[in-house]
Amino acid sequence: MAGVMSVGVRTRAPANSGFLEGRLTAIVDDLIAALPSSERICAGDRRGIIARYCAVLEGNFIYWMTAALLSAKSESAISIIRDNLFEEVRDCHPGMLHKFARASRSVPDSEDAEAVSSELTDVRLFLGNLSSVPIIAMMAFFEEFIRKFMPYLAELAKLQGSEEFEYTRVHSICDLVHTQELLKAFTAEMAAPAQQLDRSDETVLEGVYLLHALIRRIIAGAAAEDTRHEGNAALLRGTHFHSGGLAQADEAPGNRQLVDVD
């Protein structure tokens, strides 16, 4: 019967990165699959995607990862995040990205910054809560997205006449490790004795949802509809985080089976 909700058998699930990884991979893969064809969009739209991406990443990524470091409670998570920050600063990743934007004639201007301003502000305000588990989940999601987005970004730049691909080449490789390490940091934070937080899916995936909206704005620019509300249920469906662990739920049309932890 359509619209009837059934409740399945309660099962215990450990708080580890495997559950989160599957959920984040699905969300990222949906984003990548929805990208407009690089060869079918005009030069102005190609430039806009590159420029908005750079407007967000160049001045914010290290800031976001610093928020993850400041919020982390477990020594394992602190060590992992510190190593990530060390690499970003040592290898001058913002400079690498700026060089990429210049070579593709896509350095952001005031219009590019304004296009992402609202969603970017939402992410910044969320980070100000310094809640480590949702922030680390968000950063793991972003590293996974960046890794899978690099071939597309490189193709946009190539079509723009660029021959500078250091940024996309480096991040196609290093962000695989970064994602896996941040998933380990997530597991460590979930288990940290000092953590007393709401483990509901809405709370743990809050940053993922906000960043998902920002990414959609990067891709679509001013043409995008309200990215902050559309698709929220689809993003949060299927993963439940609780104080006792992390469980998954399967859903079919009109019949949602809930799998919970005691």
C-alpha atoms as a PDB file:
ATOM      1  CA  MET A   1       0.000   0.000   0.000  1.00  0.00           C
ATOM      2  CA  ALA A   2       1.482   3.321  -1.037  1.00  0.00           C
ATOM      3  CA  GLY A   3       2.578   5.600   1.760  1.00  0.00           C
ATOM      4  CA  VAL A   4       2.745   2.891   4.442  1.00  0.00           C
ATOM      5  CA  MET A   5       5.914   2.913   6.499  1.00  0.00           C
ATOM      6  CA  SER A   6       7.183  -0.387   7.851  1.00  0.00           C
ATOM      7  CA  VAL A   7       9.779  -0.833  10.557  1.00  0.00           C
ATOM      8  CA  GLY A   8      12.331  -3.584  10.177  1.00  0.00           C
ATOM      9  CA  VAL A   9      14.372  -5.551  12.677  1.00  0.00           C
ATOM     10  CA  ARG A  10      16.662  -3.439  14.842  1.00  0.00           C
ATOM     11  CA  THR A  11      20.304  -4.251  14.347  1.00  0.00           C
ATOM     12  CA  ARG A  12      23.500  -2.945  15.866  1.00  0.00           C
ATOM     13  CA  ALA A  13      26.004  -1.229  13.585  1.00  0.00           C
ATOM     14  CA  PRO A  14      29.478  -0.007  14.497  1.00  0.00           C
ATOM     15  CA  ALA A  15      30.338   3.665  14.042  1.00  0.00           C
ATOM     16  CA  ASN A  16      32.881   3.322  11.257  1.00  0.00           C
ATOM     17  CA  SER A  17      33.753   4.983   7.984  1.00  0.00           C
ATOM     18  CA  GLY A  18      32.322   2.257   5.735  1.00  0.00           C
ATOM     19  CA  PHE A  19      28.727   3.378   6.115  1.00  0.00           C
ATOM     20  CA  LEU A  20      29.540   7.037   5.570  1.00  0.00           C
ATOM     21  CA  GLU A  21      31.762   6.239   2.597  1.00  0.00           C
ATOM     22  CA  GLY A  22      28.950   4.488   0.756  1.00  0.00           C
ATOM     23  CA  ARG A  23      26.549   7.359   1.353  1.00  0.00           C
ATOM     24  CA  LEU A  24      29.026  10.051   0.305  1.00  0.00           C
ATOM     25  CA  THR A  25      30.067   8.095  -2.790  1.00  0.00           C
ATOM     26  CA  ALA A  26      26.442   7.880  -3.918  1.00  0.00           C
ATOM     27  CA  ILE A  27      25.906  11.633  -3.457  1.00  0.00           C
ATOM     28  CA  VAL A  28      29.128  12.514  -5.292  1.00  0.00           C
ATOM     29  CA  ASP A  29      28.381  10.118  -8.138  1.00  0.00           C
ATOM     30  CA  ASP A  30      24.952  11.724  -8.578  1.00  0.00           C
ATOM     31  CA  LEU A  31      26.586  15.152  -8.807  1.00  0.00           C
ATOM     32  CA  ILE A  32      29.144  13.974 -11.357  1.00  0.00           C
ATOM     33  CA  ALA A  33      26.489  12.240 -13.462  1.00  0.00           C
ATOM     34  CA  ALA A  34      24.465  15.460 -13.602  1.00  0.00           C
ATOM     35  CA  LEU A  35      27.327  17.622 -14.941  1.00  0.00           C
ATOM     36  CA  PRO A  36      26.554  19.312 -18.273  1.00  0.00           C
ATOM     37  CA  SER A  37      28.528  18.045 -21.250  1.00  0.00           C
ATOM     38  CA  SER A  38      31.773  20.011 -21.446  1.00  0.00           C
ATOM     39  CA  GLU A  39      31.618  20.087 -25.241  1.00  0.00           C
ATOM     40  CA  ARG A  40      28.011  21.235 -25.444  1.00  0.00           C
ATOM     41  CA  ILE A  41      28.256  24.308 -23.223  1.00  0.00           C
ATOM     42  CA  CYS A  42      29.584  27.605 -24.499  1.00  0.00           C
ATOM     43  CA  ALA A  43      32.946  29.134 -23.627  1.00  0.00           C
ATOM     44  CA  GLY A  44      31.302  31.601 -21.262  1.00  0.00           C
ATOM     45  CA  ASP A  45      29.650  28.803 -19.289  1.00  0.00           C
ATOM     46  CA  ARG A  46      32.898  26.810 -19.187  1.00  0.00           C
ATOM     47  CA  ARG A  47      34.711  29.863 -17.875  1.00  0.00           C
ATOM     48  CA  GLY A  48      31.980  30.443 -15.288  1.00  0.00           C
ATOM     49  CA  ILE A  49      32.235  26.948 -13.808  1.00  0.00           C
ATOM     50  CA  ILE A  50      36.026  27.192 -13.496  1.00  0.00           C
ATOM     51  CA  ALA A  51      35.865  30.724 -12.073  1.00  0.00           C
ATOM     52  CA  ARG A  52      33.165  29.941  -9.481  1.00  0.00           C
ATOM     53  CA  TYR A  53      35.045  26.804  -8.428  1.00  0.00           C
ATOM     54  CA  CYS A  54      38.200  28.884  -7.939  1.00  0.00           C
ATOM     55  CA  ALA A  55      36.275  31.628  -6.125  1.00  0.00           C
ATOM     56  CA  VAL A  56      35.186  29.044  -3.557  1.00  0.00           C
ATOM     57  CA  LEU A  57      38.301  26.873  -3.274  1.00  0.00           C
ATOM     58  CA  GLU A  58      41.230  29.267  -3.456  1.00  0.00           C
ATOM     59  CA  GLY A  59      40.377  31.302  -0.379  1.00  0.00           C
ATOM     60  CA  ASN A  60      38.255  28.861   1.602  1.00  0.00           C
ATOM     61  CA  PHE A  61      39.498  25.284   1.545  1.00  0.00           C
ATOM     62  CA  ILE A  62      42.349  25.785   4.024  1.00  0.00           C
ATOM     63  CA  TYR A  63      39.986  27.824   6.222  1.00  0.00           C
ATOM     64  CA  TRP A  64      37.453  24.982   6.199  1.00  0.00           C
ATOM     65  CA  MET A  65      40.059  22.358   7.023  1.00  0.00           C
ATOM     66  CA  THR A  66      41.337  24.585   9.819  1.00  0.00           C
ATOM     67  CA  ALA A  67      37.813  24.603  11.271  1.00  0.00           C
ATOM     68  CA  ALA A  68      37.919  20.797  11.204  1.00  0.00           C
ATOM     69  CA  LEU A  69      41.237  20.877  13.081  1.00  0.00           C
ATOM     70  CA  LEU A  70      39.995  23.344  15.684  1.00  0.00           C
ATOM     71  CA  SER A  71      36.879  21.277  16.337  1.00  0.00           C
ATOM     72  CA  ALA A  72      38.481  17.805  16.458  1.00  0.00           C
ATOM     73  CA  LYS A  73      38.600  16.030  19.827  1.00  0.00           C
ATOM     74  CA  SER A  74      40.429  12.762  19.104  1.00  0.00           C
ATOM     75  CA  GLU A  75      44.209  12.640  18.664  1.00  0.00           C
ATOM     76  CA  SER A  76      43.808  10.468  15.566  1.00  0.00           C
ATOM     77  CA  ALA A  77      41.528  12.967  13.831  1.00  0.00           C
ATOM     78  CA  ILE A  78      43.757  15.892  14.828  1.00  0.00           C
ATOM     79  CA  SER A  79      46.805  14.161  13.357  1.00  0.00           C
ATOM     80  CA  ILE A  80      45.042  13.322  10.081  1.00  0.00           C
ATOM     81  CA  ILE A  81      43.670  16.825   9.592  1.00  0.00           C
ATOM     82  CA  ARG A  82      46.994  18.443  10.516  1.00  0.00           C
ATOM     83  CA  ASP A  83      48.749  16.343   7.847  1.00  0.00           C
ATOM     84  CA  ASN A  84      46.186  17.451   5.267  1.00  0.00           C
ATOM     85  CA  LEU A  85      46.708  21.108   6.169  1.00  0.00           C
ATOM     86  CA  PHE A  86      50.476  20.703   6.107  1.00  0.00           C
ATOM     87  CA  GLU A  87      50.319  19.412   2.530  1.00  0.00           C
ATOM     88  CA  GLU A  88      47.969  22.212   1.426  1.00  0.00           C
ATOM     89  CA  VAL A  89      50.318  24.885   2.779  1.00  0.00           C
ATOM     90  CA  ARG A  90      53.645  23.233   1.913  1.00  0.00           C
ATOM     91  CA  ASP A  91      52.704  22.665  -1.729  1.00  0.00           C
ATOM     92  CA  CYS A  92      50.842  25.986  -2.069  1.00  0.00           C
ATOM     93  CA  HIS A  93      47.614  24.473  -3.361  1.00  0.00           C
ATOM     94  CA  PRO A  94      45.850  27.879  -3.544  1.00  0.00           C
ATOM     95  CA  GLY A  95      48.648  29.154  -5.777  1.00  0.00           C
ATOM     96  CA  MET A  96      48.417  26.008  -7.887  1.00  0.00           C
ATOM     97  CA  LEU A  97      44.692  26.614  -8.350  1.00  0.00           C
ATOM     98  CA  HIS A  98      45.195  30.296  -9.206  1.00  0.00           C
ATOM     99  CA  LYS A  99      47.731  29.340 -11.885  1.00  0.00           C
ATOM    100  CA  PHE A 100      45.185  26.907 -13.301  1.00  0.00           C
ATOM    101  CA  ALA A 101      42.503  29.638 -13.424  1.00  0.00           C
ATOM    102  CA  ARG A 102      44.840  32.113 -15.133  1.00  0.00           C
ATOM    103  CA  ALA A 103      45.885  29.601 -17.787  1.00  0.00           C
ATOM    104  CA  SER A 104      42.251  28.875 -18.663  1.00  0.00           C
ATOM    105  CA  ARG A 105      41.387  32.586 -18.688  1.00  0.00           C
ATOM    106  CA  SER A 106      38.952  31.990 -15.837  1.00  0.00           C
ATOM    107  CA  VAL A 107      40.189  34.102 -12.928  1.00  0.00           C
ATOM    108  CA  PRO A 108      37.111  34.884 -10.780  1.00  0.00           C
ATOM    109  CA  ASP A 109      35.627  38.377 -10.846  1.00  0.00           C
ATOM    110  CA  SER A 110      33.063  40.085  -8.617  1.00  0.00           C
ATOM    111  CA  GLU A 111      30.148  38.480 -10.466  1.00  0.00           C
ATOM    112  CA  ASP A 112      31.588  35.008  -9.898  1.00  0.00           C
ATOM    113  CA  ALA A 113      32.035  35.724  -6.191  1.00  0.00           C
ATOM    114  CA  GLU A 114      28.512  37.106  -5.911  1.00  0.00           C
ATOM    115  CA  ALA A 115      27.021  34.054  -7.653  1.00  0.00           C
ATOM    116  CA  VAL A 116      28.213  31.719  -4.872  1.00  0.00           C
ATOM    117  CA  SER A 117      27.961  34.193  -1.990  1.00  0.00           C
ATOM    118  CA  SER A 118      24.727  32.978  -0.382  1.00  0.00           C
ATOM    119  CA  GLU A 119      25.580  29.268  -0.303  1.00  0.00           C
ATOM    120  CA  LEU A 120      29.163  30.010   0.704  1.00  0.00           C
ATOM    121  CA  THR A 121      27.922  32.075   3.646  1.00  0.00           C
ATOM    122  CA  ASP A 122      25.727  29.160   4.747  1.00  0.00           C
ATOM    123  CA  VAL A 123      28.780  26.879   4.810  1.00  0.00           C
ATOM    124  CA  ARG A 124      30.826  29.441   6.762  1.00  0.00           C
ATOM    125  CA  LEU A 125      28.120  29.876   9.389  1.00  0.00           C
ATOM    126  CA  PHE A 126      27.839  26.101   9.748  1.00  0.00           C
ATOM    127  CA  LEU A 127      31.599  25.816  10.292  1.00  0.00           C
ATOM    128  CA  GLY A 128      31.360  28.416  13.034  1.00  0.00           C
ATOM    129  CA  ASN A 129      29.562  25.863  15.200  1.00  0.00           C
ATOM    130  CA  LEU A 130      32.851  23.900  15.363  1.00  0.00           C
ATOM    131  CA  SER A 131      31.052  20.572  15.566  1.00  0.00           C
ATOM    132  CA  SER A 132      33.722  18.097  14.506  1.00  0.00           C
ATOM    133  CA  VAL A 133      31.741  15.079  13.304  1.00  0.00           C
ATOM    134  CA  PRO A 134      29.570  16.968  10.764  1.00  0.00           C
ATOM    135  CA  ILE A 135      32.538  19.095   9.648  1.00  0.00           C
ATOM    136  CA  ILE A 136      34.770  16.079   9.047  1.00  0.00           C
ATOM    137  CA  ALA A 137      31.945  14.343   7.176  1.00  0.00           C
ATOM    138  CA  MET A 138      31.603  17.455   4.998  1.00  0.00           C
ATOM    139  CA  MET A 139      35.330  17.612   4.258  1.00  0.00           C
ATOM    140  CA  ALA A 140      35.476  13.896   3.394  1.00  0.00           C
ATOM    141  CA  PHE A 141      32.600  14.497   0.990  1.00  0.00           C
ATOM    142  CA  PHE A 142      34.383  17.461  -0.567  1.00  0.00           C
ATOM    143  CA  GLU A 143      37.670  15.607  -1.047  1.00  0.00           C
ATOM    144  CA  GLU A 144      35.792  12.786  -2.785  1.00  0.00           C
ATOM    145  CA  PHE A 145      33.937  15.254  -4.994  1.00  0.00           C
ATOM    146  CA  ILE A 146      37.113  17.140  -5.938  1.00  0.00           C
ATOM    147  CA  ARG A 147      38.866  13.909  -6.914  1.00  0.00           C
ATOM    148  CA  LYS A 148      36.064  12.826  -9.230  1.00  0.00           C
ATOM    149  CA  PHE A 149      35.479  16.346 -10.550  1.00  0.00           C
ATOM    150  CA  MET A 150      39.083  16.842 -11.719  1.00  0.00           C
ATOM    151  CA  PRO A 151      38.820  15.137 -15.145  1.00  0.00           C
ATOM    152  CA  TYR A 152      35.796  17.301 -15.958  1.00  0.00           C
ATOM    153  CA  LEU A 153      37.502  20.475 -14.715  1.00  0.00           C
ATOM    154  CA  ALA A 154      40.594  19.642 -16.773  1.00  0.00           C
ATOM    155  CA  GLU A 155      38.451  19.115 -19.868  1.00  0.00           C
ATOM    156  CA  LEU A 156      36.799  22.497 -19.370  1.00  0.00           C
ATOM    157  CA  ALA A 157      40.227  24.130 -19.112  1.00  0.00           C
ATOM    158  CA  LYS A 158      41.500  22.283 -22.188  1.00  0.00           C
ATOM    159  CA  LEU A 159      38.536  23.532 -24.206  1.00  0.00           C
ATOM    160  CA  GLN A 160      39.399  27.018 -22.942  1.00  0.00           C
ATOM    161  CA  GLY A 161      42.835  26.652 -24.539  1.00  0.00           C
ATOM    162  CA  SER A 162      44.791  25.859 -21.367  1.00  0.00           C
ATOM    163  CA  GLU A 163      47.856  23.639 -21.185  1.00  0.00           C
ATOM    164  CA  GLU A 164      48.254  23.998 -17.410  1.00  0.00           C
ATOM    165  CA  PHE A 165      46.999  20.897 -15.587  1.00  0.00           C
ATOM    166  CA  GLU A 166      49.162  20.592 -12.479  1.00  0.00           C
ATOM    167  CA  TYR A 167      46.234  21.338 -10.162  1.00  0.00           C
ATOM    168  CA  THR A 168      43.879  18.767 -11.689  1.00  0.00           C
ATOM    169  CA  ARG A 169      46.626  16.144 -11.985  1.00  0.00           C
ATOM    170  CA  VAL A 170      47.737  16.482  -8.356  1.00  0.00           C
ATOM    171  CA  HIS A 171      44.222  16.447  -6.930  1.00  0.00           C
ATOM    172  CA  SER A 172      43.128  13.490  -9.011  1.00  0.00           C
ATOM    173  CA  ILE A 173      45.738  11.495  -7.086  1.00  0.00           C
ATOM    174  CA  CYS A 174      46.160  12.982  -3.608  1.00  0.00           C
ATOM    175  CA  ASP A 175      42.471  13.426  -2.818  1.00  0.00           C
ATOM    176  CA  LEU A 176      41.870   9.683  -2.884  1.00  0.00           C
ATOM    177  CA  VAL A 177      44.174   9.376   0.122  1.00  0.00           C
ATOM    178  CA  HIS A 178      42.696  12.507   1.698  1.00  0.00           C
ATOM    179  CA  THR A 179      39.179  11.065   1.482  1.00  0.00           C
ATOM    180  CA  GLN A 180      40.180   7.768   3.064  1.00  0.00           C
ATOM    181  CA  GLU A 181      42.085   9.497   5.853  1.00  0.00           C
ATOM    182  CA  LEU A 182      39.177  11.812   6.648  1.00  0.00           C
ATOM    183  CA  LEU A 183      36.851   8.817   6.831  1.00  0.00           C
ATOM    184  CA  LYS A 184      39.210   7.388   9.450  1.00  0.00           C
ATOM    185  CA  ALA A 185      39.081  10.741  11.259  1.00  0.00           C
ATOM    186  CA  PHE A 186      35.279  10.569  11.167  1.00  0.00           C
ATOM    187  CA  THR A 187      35.334   7.145  12.806  1.00  0.00           C
ATOM    188  CA  ALA A 188      37.727   8.373  15.489  1.00  0.00           C
ATOM    189  CA  GLU A 189      35.552  11.397  16.256  1.00  0.00           C
ATOM    190  CA  MET A 190      32.385   9.310  16.461  1.00  0.00           C
ATOM    191  CA  ALA A 191      34.103   7.174  19.103  1.00  0.00           C
ATOM    192  CA  ALA A 192      35.705  10.025  21.061  1.00  0.00           C
ATOM    193  CA  PRO A 193      34.574  10.034  24.728  1.00  0.00           C
ATOM    194  CA  ALA A 194      34.361  13.835  24.667  1.00  0.00           C
ATOM    195  CA  GLN A 195      31.721  13.800  21.943  1.00  0.00           C
ATOM    196  CA  GLN A 196      28.228  14.527  23.200  1.00  0.00           C
ATOM    197  CA  LEU A 197      26.259  15.377  20.085  1.00  0.00           C
ATOM    198  CA  ASP A 198      23.087  14.713  18.204  1.00  0.00           C
ATOM    199  CA  ARG A 199      23.894  11.749  15.948  1.00  0.00           C
ATOM    200  CA  SER A 200      20.783  12.066  13.769  1.00  0.00           C
ATOM    201  CA  ASP A 201      21.316  11.945  10.021  1.00  0.00           C
ATOM    202  CA  GLU A 202      20.165  15.554   9.648  1.00  0.00           C
ATOM    203  CA  THR A 203      22.867  16.722  12.063  1.00  0.00           C
ATOM    204  CA  VAL A 204      25.770  14.584  10.868  1.00  0.00           C
ATOM    205  CA  LEU A 205      25.066  15.293   7.191  1.00  0.00           C
ATOM    206  CA  GLU A 206      24.231  18.980   7.657  1.00  0.00           C
ATOM    207  CA  GLY A 207      27.540  20.162   6.230  1.00  0.00           C
ATOM    208  CA  VAL A 208      27.315  17.684   3.351  1.00  0.00           C
ATOM    209  CA  TYR A 209      23.922  19.104   2.439  1.00  0.00           C
ATOM    210  CA  LEU A 210      25.146  22.706   2.581  1.00  0.00           C
ATOM    211  CA  LEU A 211      28.233  21.915   0.530  1.00  0.00           C
ATOM    212  CA  HIS A 212      26.122  19.994  -1.976  1.00  0.00           C
ATOM    213  CA  ALA A 213      24.065  23.172  -2.466  1.00  0.00           C
ATOM    214  CA  LEU A 214      27.232  25.222  -2.946  1.00  0.00           C
ATOM    215  CA  ILE A 215      28.585  22.772  -5.538  1.00  0.00           C
ATOM    216  CA  ARG A 216      25.332  22.961  -7.474  1.00  0.00           C
ATOM    217  CA  ARG A 217      25.671  26.746  -7.479  1.00  0.00           C
ATOM    218  CA  ILE A 218      29.247  26.459  -8.754  1.00  0.00           C
ATOM    219  CA  ILE A 219      28.056  24.351 -11.670  1.00  0.00           C
ATOM    220  CA  ALA A 220      24.883  26.216 -12.577  1.00  0.00           C
ATOM    221  CA  GLY A 221      25.701  29.750 -11.433  1.00  0.00           C
ATOM    222  CA  ALA A 222      22.912  32.293 -11.370  1.00  0.00           C
ATOM    223  CA  ALA A 223      20.760  29.978 -13.486  1.00  0.00           C
ATOM    224  CA  ALA A 224      20.441  27.515 -10.602  1.00  0.00           C
ATOM    225  CA  GLU A 225      17.184  27.398  -8.678  1.00  0.00           C
ATOM    226  CA  ASP A 226      17.090  27.332  -4.872  1.00  0.00           C
ATOM    227  CA  THR A 227      19.952  24.929  -4.158  1.00  0.00           C
ATOM    228  CA  ARG A 228      19.513  25.041  -0.389  1.00  0.00           C
ATOM    229  CA  HIS A 229      16.189  23.241  -0.160  1.00  0.00           C
ATOM    230  CA  GLU A 230      15.625  21.137  -3.259  1.00  0.00           C
ATOM    231  CA  GLY A 231      16.629  17.539  -2.808  1.00  0.00           C
ATOM    232  CA  ASN A 232      17.256  17.629   0.946  1.00  0.00           C
ATOM    233  CA  ALA A 233      15.222  14.492   1.550  1.00  0.00           C
ATOM    234  CA  ALA A 234      17.100  12.635  -1.177  1.00  0.00           C
ATOM    235  CA  LEU A 235      20.450  13.601   0.325  1.00  0.00           C
ATOM    236  CA  LEU A 236      19.582  12.509   3.836  1.00  0.00           C
ATOM    237  CA  ARG A 237      17.655   9.376   2.923  1.00  0.00           C
ATOM    238  CA  GLY A 238      19.351   6.086   3.679  1.00  0.00           C
ATOM    239  CA  THR A 239      21.784   6.860   6.485  1.00  0.00           C
ATOM    240  CA  HIS A 240      21.120   7.146  10.199  1.00  0.00           C
ATOM    241  CA  PHE A 241      23.719   8.103  12.790  1.00  0.00           C
ATOM    242  CA  HIS A 242      23.017   7.472  16.457  1.00  0.00           C
ATOM    243  CA  SER A 243      24.915   7.391  19.721  1.00  0.00           C
ATOM    244  CA  GLY A 244      25.089   3.615  19.496  1.00  0.00           C
ATOM    245  CA  GLY A 245      26.382   3.498  15.959  1.00  0.00           C
ATOM    246  CA  LEU A 246      25.537   4.021  12.335  1.00  0.00           C
ATOM    247  CA  ALA A 247      22.892   2.149  10.397  1.00  0.00           C
ATOM    248  CA  GLN A 248      21.533   2.204   6.868  1.00  0.00           C
ATOM    249  CA  ALA A 249      17.941   2.222   5.660  1.00  0.00           C
ATOM    250  CA  ASP A 250      16.614   0.953   2.339  1.00  0.00           C
ATOM    251  CA  GLU A 251      13.758   2.699   0.617  1.00  0.00           C
ATOM    252  CA  ALA A 252      11.388   1.686  -2.124  1.00  0.00           C
ATOM    253  CA  PRO A 253       8.600   3.878  -3.509  1.00  0.00           C
ATOM    254  CA  GLY A 254       5.951   4.268  -0.826  1.00  0.00           C
ATOM    255  CA  ASN A 255       7.562   1.816   1.572  1.00  0.00           C
ATOM    256  CA  ARG A 256      10.468   2.866   3.717  1.00  0.00           C
ATOM    257  CA  GLN A 257      12.105   0.249   5.898  1.00  0.00           C
ATOM    258  CA  LEU A 258      13.863   1.727   8.872  1.00  0.00           C
ATOM    259  CA  VAL A 259      16.939   0.028  10.279  1.00  0.00           C
ATOM    260  CA  ASP A 260      17.898   1.478  13.643  1.00  0.00           C
ATOM    261  CA  VAL A 261      20.221   0.800  16.533  1.00  0.00           C
ATOM    262  CA  ASP A 262      19.199   0.113  20.081  1.00  0.00           C
END
